Protein backbone atom coordinates (compact mmCIF):
# COMPACT_ATOMS: atom_id res chain seq x y z
CA MET A 1 23.06 83.65 147.07
CA GLY A 2 26.40 82.66 145.53
CA PRO A 3 29.68 81.88 147.20
CA PRO A 4 31.27 84.52 149.43
CA ALA A 5 33.37 87.12 147.65
CA SER A 6 37.10 86.64 147.72
CA PRO A 7 39.40 89.49 148.79
CA ARG A 8 41.07 89.07 145.38
CA GLY A 9 37.87 89.94 143.53
CA PRO A 10 34.50 88.47 142.67
CA GLY A 11 34.56 84.98 141.24
CA ARG A 12 38.23 84.35 142.04
CA PRO A 13 39.26 81.77 144.60
CA PRO A 14 41.00 83.06 147.69
CA GLY A 15 44.79 82.98 147.45
CA PRO A 16 47.08 81.02 149.73
CA ARG A 17 47.50 82.44 153.17
CA SER A 18 50.58 82.18 155.29
CA ALA A 19 50.99 81.96 159.02
CA PRO A 20 52.12 85.07 160.92
CA GLY A 21 55.85 85.57 160.52
CA VAL A 22 55.97 83.34 157.44
CA PRO A 23 56.34 85.19 154.14
CA ALA A 24 53.61 84.81 151.57
CA PRO A 25 54.42 82.50 148.67
CA GLY A 26 56.15 84.39 145.91
CA ALA A 27 57.39 87.12 148.23
CA GLU A 28 60.72 88.55 147.12
CA THR A 29 63.83 88.05 149.27
CA VAL A 30 65.51 91.19 150.57
CA PRO A 31 68.28 91.97 148.04
CA LEU A 32 70.66 93.13 150.78
CA ALA A 33 70.56 89.66 152.29
CA VAL A 34 71.53 87.99 149.02
CA ILE A 35 74.29 90.54 148.37
CA ALA A 36 75.61 90.01 151.91
CA LEU A 37 75.89 86.27 151.31
CA LEU A 38 77.47 86.60 147.88
CA SER A 39 80.00 89.21 148.94
CA ALA A 40 81.02 87.17 151.99
CA LEU A 41 81.49 84.13 149.74
CA LEU A 42 83.15 85.62 146.69
CA CYS A 43 85.15 88.67 147.69
CA TRP A 44 87.47 87.66 150.51
CA PRO A 45 88.72 89.55 152.60
CA VAL A 46 87.06 92.87 151.68
CA GLY A 47 83.81 91.09 150.90
CA SER A 48 83.80 89.65 154.41
CA LEU A 49 83.45 93.14 155.84
CA ALA A 50 80.78 93.96 153.26
CA GLY A 51 78.98 90.72 154.14
CA VAL A 52 78.92 91.65 157.81
CA LEU A 53 77.71 95.20 157.21
CA LEU A 54 75.08 94.26 154.63
CA GLY A 55 73.97 91.28 156.70
CA HIS A 56 73.26 93.51 159.68
CA LEU A 57 71.41 96.01 157.49
CA ALA A 58 69.37 93.21 155.91
CA LEU A 59 68.45 91.71 159.29
CA HIS A 60 67.28 95.10 160.51
CA ARG A 61 65.11 95.53 157.42
CA ILE A 62 63.73 91.99 157.69
CA ARG A 63 62.78 92.50 161.33
CA ARG A 64 61.13 95.82 160.49
CA THR A 65 59.20 94.74 157.39
CA GLY A 66 58.79 90.98 157.80
CA GLU A 67 60.20 90.30 154.32
CA PRO A 68 61.89 86.95 153.66
CA GLY A 69 65.66 86.54 153.50
CA ARG A 70 66.70 85.96 157.11
CA ARG A 71 68.66 82.80 156.24
CA PHE A 72 70.62 84.60 153.55
CA ALA A 73 71.40 87.50 155.89
CA VAL A 74 72.51 85.23 158.75
CA SER A 75 74.61 83.14 156.36
CA GLY A 76 76.27 86.31 155.08
CA LEU A 77 76.97 87.40 158.65
CA VAL A 78 78.45 84.07 159.70
CA LEU A 79 80.63 83.74 156.60
CA GLY A 80 81.63 87.39 156.87
CA TYR A 81 82.75 87.04 160.48
CA VAL A 82 84.60 83.80 159.69
CA GLY A 83 86.31 85.54 156.77
CA LEU A 84 87.34 88.45 158.99
CA LEU A 85 88.78 86.05 161.57
CA CYS A 86 90.71 84.22 158.85
CA ALA A 87 92.05 87.52 157.50
CA LEU A 88 93.17 88.53 161.00
CA ALA A 89 94.85 85.16 161.51
CA ALA A 90 96.60 85.50 158.12
CA VAL A 91 97.92 88.94 159.04
CA LEU A 92 99.16 87.69 162.40
CA LEU A 93 100.88 84.72 160.77
CA LEU A 94 102.44 86.98 158.16
CA VAL A 95 103.80 89.30 160.84
CA LEU A 96 105.21 86.36 162.79
CA ALA A 97 106.65 84.71 159.68
CA THR A 98 108.46 87.81 158.42
CA GLY A 99 110.72 87.78 161.42
CA ALA A 100 109.37 90.45 163.66
CA PRO A 101 112.18 91.58 165.98
CA ARG A 102 112.31 89.65 169.22
CA ALA A 103 113.25 91.14 172.55
CA GLY A 104 116.81 90.42 173.62
CA THR A 105 118.28 89.67 170.21
CA ALA A 106 121.07 91.65 168.62
CA GLY A 107 120.01 93.56 165.56
């Protein structure tokens, strides 16, 4: 008898196997995760909101399907939330700098 048959077909060596929870080599990253990271990086401040929303959607899909891309999705989330906090701080500083009326001053 010859060597045992490979799941990839007769006469072909078995392919690389990955541990549970680890994506197979050559597996494609979830596109939503990459878009979340890029939008959070490049399109401030609107992209920050997009990065947060797409990052959450990507994480949900990654948990459900086991596809790779978790690092991209988490990076998009972190950068998106940081961008939103910076935008909020900029708005608050702008309001304070424009001379918002203060209580007790004559107008």
